[in-house]
PDB file of N, CA and C in Angstrom:
ATOM      1  N   MET A   1     125.079  74.361 113.239  1.00  0.00           N
ATOM      2  CA  MET A   1     124.332  74.941 112.319  1.00  0.00           C
ATOM      3  C   MET A   1     124.332  75.935 112.397  1.00  0.00           C
ATOM      4  N   THR A   2     125.078  76.912 111.548  1.00  0.00           N
ATOM      5  CA  THR A   2     124.757  78.158 111.409  1.00  0.00           C
ATOM      6  C   THR A   2     123.296  78.460 110.421  1.00  0.00           C
ATOM      7  N   GLU A   3     122.985  79.232 111.155  1.00  0.00           N
ATOM      8  CA  GLU A   3     120.957  79.814 110.911  1.00  0.00           C
ATOM      9  C   GLU A   3     121.471  80.394 110.819  1.00  0.00           C
ATOM     10  N   ALA A   4     121.247  81.801 109.689  1.00  0.00           N
ATOM     11  CA  ALA A   4     120.892  83.012 110.128  1.00  0.00           C
ATOM     12  C   ALA A   4     119.369  83.490 110.773  1.00  0.00           C
ATOM     13  N   LYS A   5     120.356  84.395 111.699  1.00  0.00           N
ATOM     14  CA  LYS A   5     118.960  85.131 112.553  1.00  0.00           C
ATOM     15  C   LYS A   5     118.041  86.189 112.703  1.00  0.00           C
ATOM     16  N   PRO A   6     117.560  86.006 112.013  1.00  0.00           N
ATOM     17  CA  PRO A   6     115.933  87.018 111.494  1.00  0.00           C
ATOM     18  C   PRO A   6     115.829  89.171 111.947  1.00  0.00           C
ATOM     19  N   SER A   7     116.245  89.045 111.431  1.00  0.00           N
ATOM     20  CA  SER A   7     116.789  90.952 111.717  1.00  0.00           C
ATOM     21  C   SER A   7     115.906  91.940 112.091  1.00  0.00           C
ATOM     22  N   LEU A   8     116.129  92.131 113.052  1.00  0.00           N
ATOM     23  CA  LEU A   8     115.621  92.770 114.323  1.00  0.00           C
ATOM     24  C   LEU A   8     115.336  94.158 113.890  1.00  0.00           C
ATOM     25  N   LYS A   9     115.797  94.332 112.547  1.00  0.00           N
ATOM     26  CA  LYS A   9     115.839  95.830 111.800  1.00  0.00           C
ATOM     27  C   LYS A   9     114.813  96.102 111.381  1.00  0.00           C
ATOM     28  N   ARG A  10     114.423  97.288 111.005  1.00  0.00           N
ATOM     29  CA  ARG A  10     112.740  97.305 110.294  1.00  0.00           C
ATOM     30  C   ARG A  10     113.303  97.828 109.243  1.00  0.00           C
ATOM     31  N   THR A  11     112.084  97.307 108.179  1.00  0.00           N
ATOM     32  CA  THR A  11     112.633  97.143 106.510  1.00  0.00           C
ATOM     33  C   THR A  11     111.822  97.713 105.777  1.00  0.00           C
ATOM     34  N   LEU A  12     111.461  99.109 104.961  1.00  0.00           N
ATOM     35  CA  LEU A  12     110.452  99.884 104.691  1.00  0.00           C
ATOM     36  C   LEU A  12     110.729  99.888 102.873  1.00  0.00           C
ATOM     37  N   VAL A  13     109.356 100.292 101.646  1.00  0.00           N
ATOM     38  CA  VAL A  13     110.064 100.840 100.097  1.00  0.00           C
ATOM     39  C   VAL A  13     108.988 100.920 100.305  1.00  0.00           C
ATOM     40  N   GLY A  14     110.005 102.640  99.397  1.00  0.00           N
ATOM     41  CA  GLY A  14     109.223 104.074  99.162  1.00  0.00           C
ATOM     42  C   GLY A  14     109.794 104.358  97.936  1.00  0.00           C
ATOM     43  N   LYS A  15     109.720 105.202  97.602  1.00  0.00           N
ATOM     44  CA  LYS A  15     110.276 105.792  96.272  1.00  0.00           C
ATOM     45  C   LYS A  15     110.916 107.412  96.523  1.00  0.00           C
ATOM     46  N   VAL A  16     112.092 107.403  95.569  1.00  0.00           N
ATOM     47  CA  VAL A  16     112.902 108.050  96.217  1.00  0.00           C
ATOM     48  C   VAL A  16     111.897 109.300  95.243  1.00  0.00           C
ATOM     49  N   VAL A  17     112.206 110.501  96.487  1.00  0.00           N
ATOM     50  CA  VAL A  17     111.995 112.105  95.549  1.00  0.00           C
ATOM     51  C   VAL A  17     112.238 113.043  95.585  1.00  0.00           C
ATOM     52  N   SER A  18     113.746 112.732  96.215  1.00  0.00           N
ATOM     53  CA  SER A  18     114.609 113.615  96.318  1.00  0.00           C
ATOM     54  C   SER A  18     115.951 112.820  96.780  1.00  0.00           C
ATOM     55  N   ASP A  19     117.043 113.539  95.782  1.00  0.00           N
ATOM     56  CA  ASP A  19     118.799 113.073  95.095  1.00  0.00           C
ATOM     57  C   ASP A  19     119.294 114.006  95.495  1.00  0.00           C
ATOM     58  N   LYS A  20     119.102 114.932  96.024  1.00  0.00           N
ATOM     59  CA  LYS A  20     119.862 116.389  95.658  1.00  0.00           C
ATOM     60  C   LYS A  20     120.675 116.747  96.515  1.00  0.00           C
ATOM     61  N   ARG A  21     120.404 115.608  98.345  1.00  0.00           N
ATOM     62  CA  ARG A  21     121.372 115.948  98.683  1.00  0.00           C
ATOM     63  C   ARG A  21     122.445 114.957  99.029  1.00  0.00           C
ATOM     64  N   ALA A  22     123.830 116.273  99.411  1.00  0.00           N
ATOM     65  CA  ALA A  22     124.542 114.946  99.353  1.00  0.00           C
ATOM     66  C   ALA A  22     125.370 113.665 100.016  1.00  0.00           C
ATOM     67  N   LYS A  23     125.136 112.559  99.447  1.00  0.00           N
ATOM     68  CA  LYS A  23     124.648 110.834  99.848  1.00  0.00           C
ATOM     69  C   LYS A  23     123.359 110.722 100.676  1.00  0.00           C
ATOM     70  N   THR A  24     123.246 111.586 100.765  1.00  0.00           N
ATOM     71  CA  THR A  24     121.461 111.383 101.088  1.00  0.00           C
ATOM     72  C   THR A  24     119.988 111.310 100.006  1.00  0.00           C
ATOM     73  N   VAL A  25     119.286 110.679  99.981  1.00  0.00           N
ATOM     74  CA  VAL A  25     118.432 110.308  99.611  1.00  0.00           C
ATOM     75  C   VAL A  25     116.873 110.168 100.233  1.00  0.00           C
ATOM     76  N   THR A  26     115.441 110.884  99.778  1.00  0.00           N
ATOM     77  CA  THR A  26     114.837 111.148 100.701  1.00  0.00           C
ATOM     78  C   THR A  26     113.450 110.212  99.731  1.00  0.00           C
ATOM     79  N   VAL A  27     113.001 108.990 100.717  1.00  0.00           N
ATOM     80  CA  VAL A  27     112.202 107.916 100.530  1.00  0.00           C
ATOM     81  C   VAL A  27     110.483 108.426 101.267  1.00  0.00           C
ATOM     82  N   LEU A  28     109.532 108.523 100.160  1.00  0.00           N
ATOM     83  CA  LEU A  28     108.169 108.448  99.853  1.00  0.00           C
ATOM     84  C   LEU A  28     107.844 106.827 100.859  1.00  0.00           C
ATOM     85  N   VAL A  29     107.279 106.795 102.024  1.00  0.00           N
ATOM     86  CA  VAL A  29     106.415 105.650 102.135  1.00  0.00           C
ATOM     87  C   VAL A  29     105.518 105.444 102.264  1.00  0.00           C
ATOM     88  N   GLU A  30     104.988 105.309 101.338  1.00  0.00           N
ATOM     89  CA  GLU A  30     102.603 105.277 101.593  1.00  0.00           C
ATOM     90  C   GLU A  30     102.686 103.940 102.581  1.00  0.00           C
ATOM     91  N   ARG A  31     101.207 103.914 102.915  1.00  0.00           N
ATOM     92  CA  ARG A  31     100.594 102.554 103.451  1.00  0.00           C
ATOM     93  C   ARG A  31      99.357 102.667 103.548  1.00  0.00           C
ATOM     94  N   ARG A  32      98.134 101.812 103.457  1.00  0.00           N
ATOM     95  CA  ARG A  32      97.465 102.308 103.397  1.00  0.00           C
ATOM     96  C   ARG A  32      96.595 101.340 104.460  1.00  0.00           C
ATOM     97  N   VAL A  33      95.606 102.112 105.217  1.00  0.00           N
ATOM     98  CA  VAL A  33      94.815 102.238 106.232  1.00  0.00           C
ATOM     99  C   VAL A  33      93.123 102.542 106.234  1.00  0.00           C
ATOM    100  N   LYS A  34      93.395 101.235 107.106  1.00  0.00           N
ATOM    101  CA  LYS A  34      91.160 101.148 107.284  1.00  0.00           C
ATOM    102  C   LYS A  34      91.289 103.340 108.497  1.00  0.00           C
ATOM    103  N   HIS A  35      90.439 104.120 107.674  1.00  0.00           N
ATOM    104  CA  HIS A  35      89.595 104.811 108.464  1.00  0.00           C
ATOM    105  C   HIS A  35      88.716 104.591 109.481  1.00  0.00           C
ATOM    106  N   PRO A  36      89.043 104.489 110.886  1.00  0.00           N
ATOM    107  CA  PRO A  36      88.383 103.951 112.147  1.00  0.00           C
ATOM    108  C   PRO A  36      86.641 103.981 112.055  1.00  0.00           C
ATOM    109  N   ILE A  37      86.693 105.457 111.266  1.00  0.00           N
ATOM    110  CA  ILE A  37      84.802 105.698 111.302  1.00  0.00           C
ATOM    111  C   ILE A  37      83.841 105.674 110.153  1.00  0.00           C
ATOM    112  N   TYR A  38      84.538 105.531 109.124  1.00  0.00           N
ATOM    113  CA  TYR A  38      84.693 105.570 107.495  1.00  0.00           C
ATOM    114  C   TYR A  38      84.456 104.280 107.315  1.00  0.00           C
ATOM    115  N   ASP A  39      85.196 103.525 107.598  1.00  0.00           N
ATOM    116  CA  ASP A  39      85.733 102.712 106.767  1.00  0.00           C
ATOM    117  C   ASP A  39      85.611 102.607 105.079  1.00  0.00           C
ATOM    118  N   LYS A  40      86.777 103.741 105.205  1.00  0.00           N
ATOM    119  CA  LYS A  40      87.353 104.014 103.755  1.00  0.00           C
ATOM    120  C   LYS A  40      88.591 103.690 103.663  1.00  0.00           C
ATOM    121  N   ILE A  41      89.337 103.230 102.885  1.00  0.00           N
ATOM    122  CA  ILE A  41      90.831 102.993 103.175  1.00  0.00           C
ATOM    123  C   ILE A  41      91.279 103.903 102.255  1.00  0.00           C
ATOM    124  N   MET A  42      92.157 104.741 103.250  1.00  0.00           N
ATOM    125  CA  MET A  42      92.810 105.771 102.627  1.00  0.00           C
ATOM    126  C   MET A  42      94.496 105.422 103.102  1.00  0.00           C
ATOM    127  N   ILE A  43      95.149 106.652 102.060  1.00  0.00           N
ATOM    128  CA  ILE A  43      96.273 106.276 101.626  1.00  0.00           C
ATOM    129  C   ILE A  43      97.859 107.427 102.598  1.00  0.00           C
ATOM    130  N   LYS A  44      98.475 106.526 103.806  1.00  0.00           N
ATOM    131  CA  LYS A  44      98.682 107.725 104.628  1.00  0.00           C
ATOM    132  C   LYS A  44     100.552 107.401 104.363  1.00  0.00           C
ATOM    133  N   SER A  45     101.328 108.916 104.920  1.00  0.00           N
ATOM    134  CA  SER A  45     102.345 108.704 103.878  1.00  0.00           C
ATOM    135  C   SER A  45     103.436 109.073 104.670  1.00  0.00           C
ATOM    136  N   SER A  46     104.782 108.929 104.875  1.00  0.00           N
ATOM    137  CA  SER A  46     106.042 109.573 105.726  1.00  0.00           C
ATOM    138  C   SER A  46     107.557 109.464 104.905  1.00  0.00           C
ATOM    139  N   LYS A  47     108.105 110.648 105.127  1.00  0.00           N
ATOM    140  CA  LYS A  47     108.925 110.896 104.322  1.00  0.00           C
ATOM    141  C   LYS A  47     110.475 110.619 105.354  1.00  0.00           C
ATOM    142  N   TYR A  48     111.151 109.584 104.958  1.00  0.00           N
ATOM    143  CA  TYR A  48     112.438 109.868 105.415  1.00  0.00           C
ATOM    144  C   TYR A  48     113.622 109.981 104.782  1.00  0.00           C
ATOM    145  N   HIS A  49     115.202 109.844 105.361  1.00  0.00           N
ATOM    146  CA  HIS A  49     115.993 110.259 104.640  1.00  0.00           C
ATOM    147  C   HIS A  49     116.780 108.848 104.862  1.00  0.00           C
ATOM    148  N   ALA A  50     117.364 108.477 103.645  1.00  0.00           N
ATOM    149  CA  ALA A  50     117.847 107.284 104.349  1.00  0.00           C
ATOM    150  C   ALA A  50     119.649 107.941 103.614  1.00  0.00           C
ATOM    151  N   HIS A  51     120.678 107.338 104.210  1.00  0.00           N
ATOM    152  CA  HIS A  51     122.017 107.444 104.022  1.00  0.00           C
ATOM    153  C   HIS A  51     122.752 106.568 102.427  1.00  0.00           C
ATOM    154  N   ASP A  52     122.396 107.593 101.157  1.00  0.00           N
ATOM    155  CA  ASP A  52     123.240 106.497 100.117  1.00  0.00           C
ATOM    156  C   ASP A  52     124.654 107.344  99.602  1.00  0.00           C
ATOM    157  N   GLU A  53     124.778 106.153 100.129  1.00  0.00           N
ATOM    158  CA  GLU A  53     127.135 106.185 100.436  1.00  0.00           C
ATOM    159  C   GLU A  53     127.508 106.466  99.432  1.00  0.00           C
ATOM    160  N   ASN A  54     127.109 106.076  97.810  1.00  0.00           N
ATOM    161  CA  ASN A  54     127.905 106.517  95.998  1.00  0.00           C
ATOM    162  C   ASN A  54     126.507 106.949  95.595  1.00  0.00           C
ATOM    163  N   GLY A  55     125.637 107.970  96.013  1.00  0.00           N
ATOM    164  CA  GLY A  55     124.415 107.973  95.470  1.00  0.00           C
ATOM    165  C   GLY A  55     124.347 107.379  93.932  1.00  0.00           C
ATOM    166  N   GLU A  56     123.813 105.855  94.341  1.00  0.00           N
ATOM    167  CA  GLU A  56     123.310 105.782  93.419  1.00  0.00           C
ATOM    168  C   GLU A  56     121.550 105.384  92.830  1.00  0.00           C
ATOM    169  N   TYR A  57     121.308 106.148  94.348  1.00  0.00           N
ATOM    170  CA  TYR A  57     120.039 105.719  93.502  1.00  0.00           C
ATOM    171  C   TYR A  57     119.383 107.380  93.400  1.00  0.00           C
ATOM    172  N   LYS A  58     119.030 107.152  92.308  1.00  0.00           N
ATOM    173  CA  LYS A  58     117.775 108.511  91.735  1.00  0.00           C
ATOM    174  C   LYS A  58     116.523 109.119  91.850  1.00  0.00           C
ATOM    175  N   MET A  59     116.102 110.150  91.839  1.00  0.00           N
ATOM    176  CA  MET A  59     114.456 110.172  91.699  1.00  0.00           C
ATOM    177  C   MET A  59     113.667 109.246  91.116  1.00  0.00           C
ATOM    178  N   GLY A  60     112.164 109.184  91.503  1.00  0.00           N
ATOM    179  CA  GLY A  60     112.209 108.012  90.653  1.00  0.00           C
ATOM    180  C   GLY A  60     112.171 106.129  90.988  1.00  0.00           C
ATOM    181  N   ASP A  61     112.972 106.327  91.653  1.00  0.00           N
ATOM    182  CA  ASP A  61     113.717 104.816  91.574  1.00  0.00           C
ATOM    183  C   ASP A  61     112.701 104.494  93.058  1.00  0.00           C
ATOM    184  N   THR A  62     112.174 102.864  93.174  1.00  0.00           N
ATOM    185  CA  THR A  62     111.519 102.212  94.035  1.00  0.00           C
ATOM    186  C   THR A  62     112.589 101.630  95.221  1.00  0.00           C
ATOM    187  N   ILE A  63     113.001 101.888  96.177  1.00  0.00           N
ATOM    188  CA  ILE A  63     114.067 101.307  96.855  1.00  0.00           C
ATOM    189  C   ILE A  63     113.645 100.552  97.963  1.00  0.00           C
ATOM    190  N   GLU A  64     114.728 100.309  98.316  1.00  0.00           N
ATOM    191  CA  GLU A  64     114.670  99.263  99.937  1.00  0.00           C
ATOM    192  C   GLU A  64     115.268 100.030 101.298  1.00  0.00           C
ATOM    193  N   ILE A  65     114.508 100.957 102.232  1.00  0.00           N
ATOM    194  CA  ILE A  65     115.064 100.874 103.852  1.00  0.00           C
ATOM    195  C   ILE A  65     114.970 100.139 104.597  1.00  0.00           C
ATOM    196  N   THR A  66     116.411 100.620 105.724  1.00  0.00           N
ATOM    197  CA  THR A  66     116.412  99.748 106.978  1.00  0.00           C
ATOM    198  C   THR A  66     117.144 100.867 108.126  1.00  0.00           C
ATOM    199  N   GLU A  67     116.648  99.988 109.064  1.00  0.00           N
ATOM    200  CA  GLU A  67     116.702 101.178 110.320  1.00  0.00           C
ATOM    201  C   GLU A  67     117.863 101.154 110.850  1.00  0.00           C
ATOM    202  N   SER A  68     118.245 102.238 111.118  1.00  0.00           N
ATOM    203  CA  SER A  68     120.149 102.267 111.619  1.00  0.00           C
ATOM    204  C   SER A  68     120.607 102.797 112.782  1.00  0.00           C
ATOM    205  N   ARG A  69     121.701 102.860 112.832  1.00  0.00           N
ATOM    206  CA  ARG A  69     121.622 104.083 114.141  1.00  0.00           C
ATOM    207  C   ARG A  69     121.341 105.471 113.436  1.00  0.00           C
ATOM    208  N   PRO A  70     121.750 106.709 114.818  1.00  0.00           N
ATOM    209  CA  PRO A  70     121.386 107.544 113.252  1.00  0.00           C
ATOM    210  C   PRO A  70     122.001 108.268 113.417  1.00  0.00           C
ATOM    211  N   LEU A  71     122.702 108.102 112.260  1.00  0.00           N
ATOM    212  CA  LEU A  71     123.999 109.232 111.675  1.00  0.00           C
ATOM    213  C   LEU A  71     123.730 110.627 110.934  1.00  0.00           C
ATOM    214  N   SER A  72     122.561 111.066 111.279  1.00  0.00           N
ATOM    215  CA  SER A  72     123.053 112.554 111.458  1.00  0.00           C
ATOM    216  C   SER A  72     121.351 113.122 111.761  1.00  0.00           C
ATOM    217  N   LYS A  73     121.314 113.720 112.411  1.00  0.00           N
ATOM    218  CA  LYS A  73     119.752 115.201 112.646  1.00  0.00           C
ATOM    219  C   LYS A  73     118.724 114.588 112.111  1.00  0.00           C
ATOM    220  N   THR A  74     118.894 114.164 111.324  1.00  0.00           N
ATOM    221  CA  THR A  74     117.469 113.336 110.455  1.00  0.00           C
ATOM    222  C   THR A  74     117.498 112.247 110.190  1.00  0.00           C
ATOM    223  N   LYS A  75     118.865 112.159 110.149  1.00  0.00           N
ATOM    224  CA  LYS A  75     118.696 110.330 109.145  1.00  0.00           C
ATOM    225  C   LYS A  75     119.476 109.946 110.037  1.00  0.00           C
ATOM    226  N   ASN A  76     118.623 108.468 109.825  1.00  0.00           N
ATOM    227  CA  ASN A  76     119.146 107.359 110.974  1.00  0.00           C
ATOM    228  C   ASN A  76     118.165 105.435 109.577  1.00  0.00           C
ATOM    229  N   TRP A  77     118.165 106.141 108.621  1.00  0.00           N
ATOM    230  CA  TRP A  77     117.708 104.231 107.984  1.00  0.00           C
ATOM    231  C   TRP A  77     118.276 105.053 106.340  1.00  0.00           C
ATOM    232  N   VAL A  78     119.315 103.657 105.685  1.00  0.00           N
ATOM    233  CA  VAL A  78     120.322 103.678 105.367  1.00  0.00           C
ATOM    234  C   VAL A  78     119.230 102.474 104.116  1.00  0.00           C
ATOM    235  N   ALA A  79     119.647 102.688 102.936  1.00  0.00           N
ATOM    236  CA  ALA A  79     119.202 102.152 101.561  1.00  0.00           C
ATOM    237  C   ALA A  79     120.375 101.097 100.930  1.00  0.00           C
ATOM    238  N   THR A  80     119.063  99.993 101.272  1.00  0.00           N
ATOM    239  CA  THR A  80     119.281  98.385 101.395  1.00  0.00           C
ATOM    240  C   THR A  80     119.498  98.144  99.849  1.00  0.00           C
ATOM    241  N   ARG A  81     118.660  97.790  99.013  1.00  0.00           N
ATOM    242  CA  ARG A  81     118.226  97.875  97.728  1.00  0.00           C
ATOM    243  C   ARG A  81     117.926  98.218  97.055  1.00  0.00           C
ATOM    244  N   LEU A  82     118.272  97.756  95.387  1.00  0.00           N
ATOM    245  CA  LEU A  82     117.156  99.057  94.621  1.00  0.00           C
ATOM    246  C   LEU A  82     115.913  97.870  94.417  1.00  0.00           C
ATOM    247  N   VAL A  83     114.909  98.487  94.415  1.00  0.00           N
ATOM    248  CA  VAL A  83     113.301  97.422  93.636  1.00  0.00           C
ATOM    249  C   VAL A  83     113.418  97.101  92.406  1.00  0.00           C
ATOM    250  N   GLN A  84     112.802  98.739  92.040  1.00  0.00           N
ATOM    251  CA  GLN A  84     113.395  99.387  90.589  1.00  0.00           C
ATOM    252  C   GLN A  84     113.407 100.431  90.219  1.00  0.00           C
ATOM    253  N   LYS A  85     113.840 100.156  89.472  1.00  0.00           N
ATOM    254  CA  LYS A  85     114.422 101.169  88.490  1.00  0.00           C
ATOM    255  C   LYS A  85     113.169 102.415  87.951  1.00  0.00           C
ATOM    256  N   ALA A  86     113.670 103.502  87.686  1.00  0.00           N
ATOM    257  CA  ALA A  86     112.807 104.643  87.505  1.00  0.00           C
ATOM    258  C   ALA A  86     112.453 104.606  85.942  1.00  0.00           C
ATOM    259  N   ALA A  87     110.979 104.810  85.706  1.00  0.00           N
ATOM    260  CA  ALA A  87     111.244 104.342  83.706  1.00  0.00           C
ATOM    261  C   ALA A  87     111.624 105.539  83.186  1.00  0.00           C
ATOM    262  N   LEU A  88     112.157 105.900  82.386  1.00  0.00           N
ATOM    263  CA  LEU A  88     112.965 106.637  81.535  1.00  0.00           C
ATOM    264  C   LEU A  88     111.873 107.527  80.673  1.00  0.00           C
ATOM    265  N   VAL A  89     111.691 108.758  81.064  1.00  0.00           N
ATOM    266  CA  VAL A  89     110.382 109.616  80.174  1.00  0.00           C
ATOM    267  C   VAL A  89     110.668 109.988  78.739  1.00  0.00           C
TER     268      VAL A  89
END
């Protein structure tokens, strides 16, 4: 029986906000949280640097990133797949 083990690595989905660095994209991940006192739904966001070996992801694309070993001082995520291509303006 060869069953696929569930991955222990975290995955996030976010939007590419910068692709200027070599082999790196900056991904903005937004999450909705409820304010503890006012009970209002708020949007909190975080930016992650993700490794993009071939430079295939461009600004505006929605991609999935997966946690990995530290690749540099700020980079410990890897871009794994394209969720949605950016719309042409």
